[in-house]
Amino acid sequence: MYFLSNENHNNRFNTKNTEEIIAEYEKIGLFNHLSDLEMKEGRQAIHQKEIDNYFDALLCFPKQVIFFGWELIDSKNPYENLLRNRN
């Protein structure tokens, strides 16, 4: 899997940088839709798993990444319909 990111030797995933990464996500509003409990669970998960890249970090938090198969999408606006019907 290929996921674009701006990783470098100064911001690699380690215990020291994990909180900075979470803070950056919060700063840009990426977690605005999460409850306090979901944030707590995400923080616990990110510290308990091996995180090698930004995608791995996002997977620790609920409702951040949606996986779907294009062959199942029959629509002019697949992203819009997917988000509207995600429950």
N, C-alpha and C. Protein backbone atom coordinates (compact mmCIF):
# COMPACT_ATOMS: atom_id res chain seq x y z
N MET A 1 0.84 -1.17 0.00
CA MET A 1 0.00 0.00 0.00
C MET A 1 0.89 1.24 0.00
N TYR A 2 0.50 2.23 -0.74
CA TYR A 2 1.26 3.47 -0.82
C TYR A 2 0.42 4.59 -0.26
N PHE A 3 0.98 5.36 0.66
CA PHE A 3 0.25 6.46 1.28
C PHE A 3 1.21 7.65 1.37
N LEU A 4 0.87 8.74 0.71
CA LEU A 4 1.73 9.92 0.71
C LEU A 4 1.81 10.53 2.10
N SER A 5 2.98 10.95 2.51
CA SER A 5 3.15 11.61 3.79
C SER A 5 4.43 12.44 3.75
N ASN A 6 4.60 13.26 4.76
CA ASN A 6 5.79 14.10 4.83
C ASN A 6 6.73 13.65 5.93
N GLU A 7 6.92 12.35 6.05
CA GLU A 7 7.81 11.81 7.07
C GLU A 7 9.26 12.13 6.74
N ASN A 8 10.03 12.38 7.79
CA ASN A 8 11.47 12.53 7.65
C ASN A 8 12.11 12.03 8.94
N HIS A 9 13.41 12.14 9.06
CA HIS A 9 14.09 11.61 10.25
C HIS A 9 13.71 12.34 11.53
N ASN A 10 13.22 13.56 11.42
CA ASN A 10 12.84 14.32 12.61
C ASN A 10 11.43 14.03 13.10
N ASN A 11 10.59 13.49 12.24
CA ASN A 11 9.20 13.26 12.66
C ASN A 11 8.78 11.80 12.51
N ARG A 12 9.72 10.90 12.51
CA ARG A 12 9.40 9.47 12.41
C ARG A 12 8.57 9.05 13.62
N PHE A 13 7.96 7.92 13.51
CA PHE A 13 7.06 7.47 14.55
C PHE A 13 7.82 6.79 15.67
N ASN A 14 7.81 7.44 16.81
CA ASN A 14 8.41 6.91 18.01
C ASN A 14 7.64 7.48 19.21
N THR A 15 7.94 7.01 20.38
CA THR A 15 7.21 7.44 21.56
C THR A 15 7.26 8.94 21.74
N LYS A 16 8.40 9.53 21.50
CA LYS A 16 8.57 10.98 21.67
C LYS A 16 7.68 11.78 20.72
N ASN A 17 7.59 11.33 19.50
CA ASN A 17 6.86 12.11 18.49
C ASN A 17 5.37 11.80 18.39
N THR A 18 4.91 10.76 19.04
CA THR A 18 3.51 10.36 18.90
C THR A 18 2.56 11.47 19.33
N GLU A 19 2.79 12.07 20.47
CA GLU A 19 1.90 13.14 20.93
C GLU A 19 1.94 14.35 20.01
N GLU A 20 3.09 14.64 19.43
CA GLU A 20 3.19 15.75 18.48
C GLU A 20 2.36 15.46 17.22
N ILE A 21 2.36 14.22 16.79
CA ILE A 21 1.59 13.83 15.62
C ILE A 21 0.10 13.96 15.91
N ILE A 22 -0.34 13.49 17.08
CA ILE A 22 -1.74 13.62 17.47
C ILE A 22 -2.12 15.09 17.56
N ALA A 23 -1.28 15.90 18.16
CA ALA A 23 -1.55 17.32 18.30
C ALA A 23 -1.69 17.99 16.93
N GLU A 24 -0.88 17.60 15.98
CA GLU A 24 -0.97 18.16 14.63
C GLU A 24 -2.30 17.78 13.98
N TYR A 25 -2.72 16.54 14.16
CA TYR A 25 -4.02 16.10 13.63
C TYR A 25 -5.16 16.91 14.28
N GLU A 26 -5.06 17.13 15.58
CA GLU A 26 -6.09 17.92 16.28
C GLU A 26 -6.08 19.36 15.78
N LYS A 27 -4.91 19.90 15.56
CA LYS A 27 -4.77 21.28 15.10
C LYS A 27 -5.47 21.52 13.76
N ILE A 28 -5.40 20.54 12.87
CA ILE A 28 -6.04 20.71 11.57
C ILE A 28 -7.50 20.27 11.57
N GLY A 29 -8.00 19.85 12.73
CA GLY A 29 -9.41 19.50 12.87
C GLY A 29 -9.77 18.10 12.41
N LEU A 30 -8.79 17.25 12.25
CA LEU A 30 -9.03 15.92 11.74
C LEU A 30 -9.86 15.06 12.70
N PHE A 31 -9.82 15.39 13.98
CA PHE A 31 -10.54 14.60 14.99
C PHE A 31 -11.75 15.33 15.55
N ASN A 32 -12.17 16.41 14.95
CA ASN A 32 -13.28 17.20 15.49
C ASN A 32 -14.56 16.39 15.68
N HIS A 33 -14.75 15.38 14.90
CA HIS A 33 -15.98 14.58 14.97
C HIS A 33 -15.93 13.48 16.04
N LEU A 34 -14.79 13.32 16.70
CA LEU A 34 -14.64 12.25 17.69
C LEU A 34 -15.03 12.72 19.09
N SER A 35 -15.63 11.83 19.86
CA SER A 35 -15.96 12.13 21.25
C SER A 35 -14.69 12.05 22.10
N ASP A 36 -14.80 12.51 23.34
CA ASP A 36 -13.66 12.42 24.26
C ASP A 36 -13.25 10.96 24.47
N LEU A 37 -14.25 10.07 24.57
CA LEU A 37 -13.96 8.65 24.76
C LEU A 37 -13.25 8.07 23.55
N GLU A 38 -13.68 8.43 22.35
CA GLU A 38 -13.03 7.94 21.13
C GLU A 38 -11.59 8.44 21.03
N MET A 39 -11.37 9.68 21.44
CA MET A 39 -10.00 10.22 21.44
C MET A 39 -9.13 9.46 22.43
N LYS A 40 -9.68 9.18 23.62
CA LYS A 40 -8.94 8.44 24.64
C LYS A 40 -8.58 7.05 24.12
N GLU A 41 -9.54 6.38 23.51
CA GLU A 41 -9.29 5.05 22.97
C GLU A 41 -8.24 5.09 21.86
N GLY A 42 -8.30 6.12 21.00
CA GLY A 42 -7.32 6.28 19.94
C GLY A 42 -5.92 6.51 20.48
N ARG A 43 -5.83 7.34 21.50
CA ARG A 43 -4.52 7.60 22.12
C ARG A 43 -3.95 6.32 22.73
N GLN A 44 -4.79 5.54 23.38
CA GLN A 44 -4.33 4.28 23.95
C GLN A 44 -3.86 3.34 22.85
N ALA A 45 -4.63 3.26 21.78
CA ALA A 45 -4.28 2.36 20.67
C ALA A 45 -2.97 2.76 20.01
N ILE A 46 -2.77 4.05 19.82
CA ILE A 46 -1.57 4.51 19.13
C ILE A 46 -0.32 4.23 19.95
N HIS A 47 -0.47 4.15 21.27
CA HIS A 47 0.68 3.85 22.13
C HIS A 47 0.90 2.35 22.30
N GLN A 48 -0.08 1.54 21.92
CA GLN A 48 0.02 0.10 22.10
C GLN A 48 0.39 -0.64 20.83
N LYS A 49 0.30 0.01 19.69
CA LYS A 49 0.57 -0.65 18.42
C LYS A 49 1.88 -0.17 17.82
N GLU A 50 2.38 -0.93 16.91
CA GLU A 50 3.55 -0.51 16.16
C GLU A 50 3.09 0.44 15.06
N ILE A 51 3.56 1.66 15.10
CA ILE A 51 3.17 2.69 14.14
C ILE A 51 4.37 2.99 13.25
N ASP A 52 4.22 2.67 11.98
CA ASP A 52 5.32 2.88 11.03
C ASP A 52 5.10 4.07 10.11
N ASN A 53 3.87 4.58 10.05
CA ASN A 53 3.58 5.68 9.12
C ASN A 53 2.29 6.38 9.56
N TYR A 54 1.97 7.48 8.88
CA TYR A 54 0.79 8.25 9.24
C TYR A 54 -0.49 7.46 9.07
N PHE A 55 -0.54 6.60 8.08
CA PHE A 55 -1.73 5.79 7.86
C PHE A 55 -1.97 4.87 9.05
N ASP A 56 -0.93 4.24 9.56
CA ASP A 56 -1.06 3.40 10.75
C ASP A 56 -1.61 4.20 11.93
N ALA A 57 -1.15 5.44 12.07
CA ALA A 57 -1.61 6.30 13.16
C ALA A 57 -3.10 6.59 13.01
N LEU A 58 -3.53 6.90 11.81
CA LEU A 58 -4.95 7.19 11.58
C LEU A 58 -5.83 5.98 11.86
N LEU A 59 -5.33 4.79 11.58
CA LEU A 59 -6.11 3.58 11.81
C LEU A 59 -6.39 3.34 13.30
N CYS A 60 -5.64 3.97 14.18
CA CYS A 60 -5.86 3.80 15.62
C CYS A 60 -7.10 4.54 16.10
N PHE A 61 -7.55 5.52 15.35
CA PHE A 61 -8.68 6.32 15.76
C PHE A 61 -9.92 5.91 14.97
N PRO A 62 -11.07 5.83 15.67
CA PRO A 62 -12.29 5.41 14.97
C PRO A 62 -12.77 6.45 13.97
N LYS A 63 -13.47 5.97 12.97
CA LYS A 63 -14.13 6.82 11.97
C LYS A 63 -13.16 7.73 11.21
N GLN A 64 -11.95 7.27 10.98
CA GLN A 64 -10.96 8.06 10.25
C GLN A 64 -10.71 7.52 8.85
N VAL A 65 -10.76 6.22 8.68
CA VAL A 65 -10.43 5.60 7.40
C VAL A 65 -11.58 4.70 6.99
N ILE A 66 -11.99 4.83 5.75
CA ILE A 66 -13.05 3.98 5.21
C ILE A 66 -12.47 3.15 4.08
N PHE A 67 -12.66 1.85 4.17
CA PHE A 67 -12.24 0.94 3.10
C PHE A 67 -13.48 0.51 2.33
N PHE A 68 -13.38 0.55 1.02
CA PHE A 68 -14.48 0.06 0.20
C PHE A 68 -13.94 -0.39 -1.14
N GLY A 69 -14.70 -1.25 -1.78
CA GLY A 69 -14.31 -1.76 -3.09
C GLY A 69 -15.05 -1.00 -4.19
N TRP A 70 -14.32 -0.54 -5.16
CA TRP A 70 -14.92 0.22 -6.26
C TRP A 70 -15.95 -0.58 -7.02
N GLU A 71 -15.79 -1.89 -7.08
CA GLU A 71 -16.73 -2.71 -7.84
C GLU A 71 -18.13 -2.69 -7.22
N LEU A 72 -18.24 -2.30 -5.95
CA LEU A 72 -19.54 -2.24 -5.29
C LEU A 72 -20.21 -0.88 -5.44
N ILE A 73 -19.52 0.08 -5.98
CA ILE A 73 -20.04 1.43 -6.10
C ILE A 73 -20.72 1.61 -7.45
N ASP A 74 -21.98 1.98 -7.42
CA ASP A 74 -22.74 2.25 -8.64
C ASP A 74 -23.40 3.61 -8.47
N SER A 75 -22.62 4.66 -8.70
CA SER A 75 -23.14 5.98 -8.42
C SER A 75 -22.32 7.05 -9.12
N LYS A 76 -22.93 8.20 -9.33
CA LYS A 76 -22.21 9.34 -9.88
C LYS A 76 -21.32 9.99 -8.81
N ASN A 77 -21.74 9.90 -7.57
CA ASN A 77 -21.02 10.51 -6.45
C ASN A 77 -20.69 9.46 -5.39
N PRO A 78 -19.76 8.57 -5.66
CA PRO A 78 -19.52 7.45 -4.73
C PRO A 78 -19.08 7.89 -3.34
N TYR A 79 -18.23 8.91 -3.22
CA TYR A 79 -17.77 9.33 -1.90
C TYR A 79 -18.92 9.94 -1.10
N GLU A 80 -19.71 10.77 -1.73
CA GLU A 80 -20.84 11.39 -1.06
C GLU A 80 -21.82 10.32 -0.56
N ASN A 81 -22.16 9.39 -1.42
CA ASN A 81 -23.11 8.33 -1.03
C ASN A 81 -22.53 7.44 0.06
N LEU A 82 -21.28 7.13 -0.02
CA LEU A 82 -20.63 6.30 0.98
C LEU A 82 -20.69 6.97 2.35
N LEU A 83 -20.39 8.28 2.40
CA LEU A 83 -20.40 8.99 3.66
C LEU A 83 -21.81 9.17 4.22
N ARG A 84 -22.78 9.37 3.36
CA ARG A 84 -24.17 9.51 3.81
C ARG A 84 -24.72 8.20 4.37
N ASN A 85 -24.27 7.07 3.82
CA ASN A 85 -24.81 5.78 4.20
C ASN A 85 -23.86 4.96 5.06
N ARG A 86 -22.94 5.58 5.77
CA ARG A 86 -21.92 4.83 6.49
C ARG A 86 -22.42 4.15 7.75
N ASN A 87 -23.59 4.44 8.25
CA ASN A 87 -24.08 3.81 9.47
C ASN A 87 -24.72 2.52 9.19
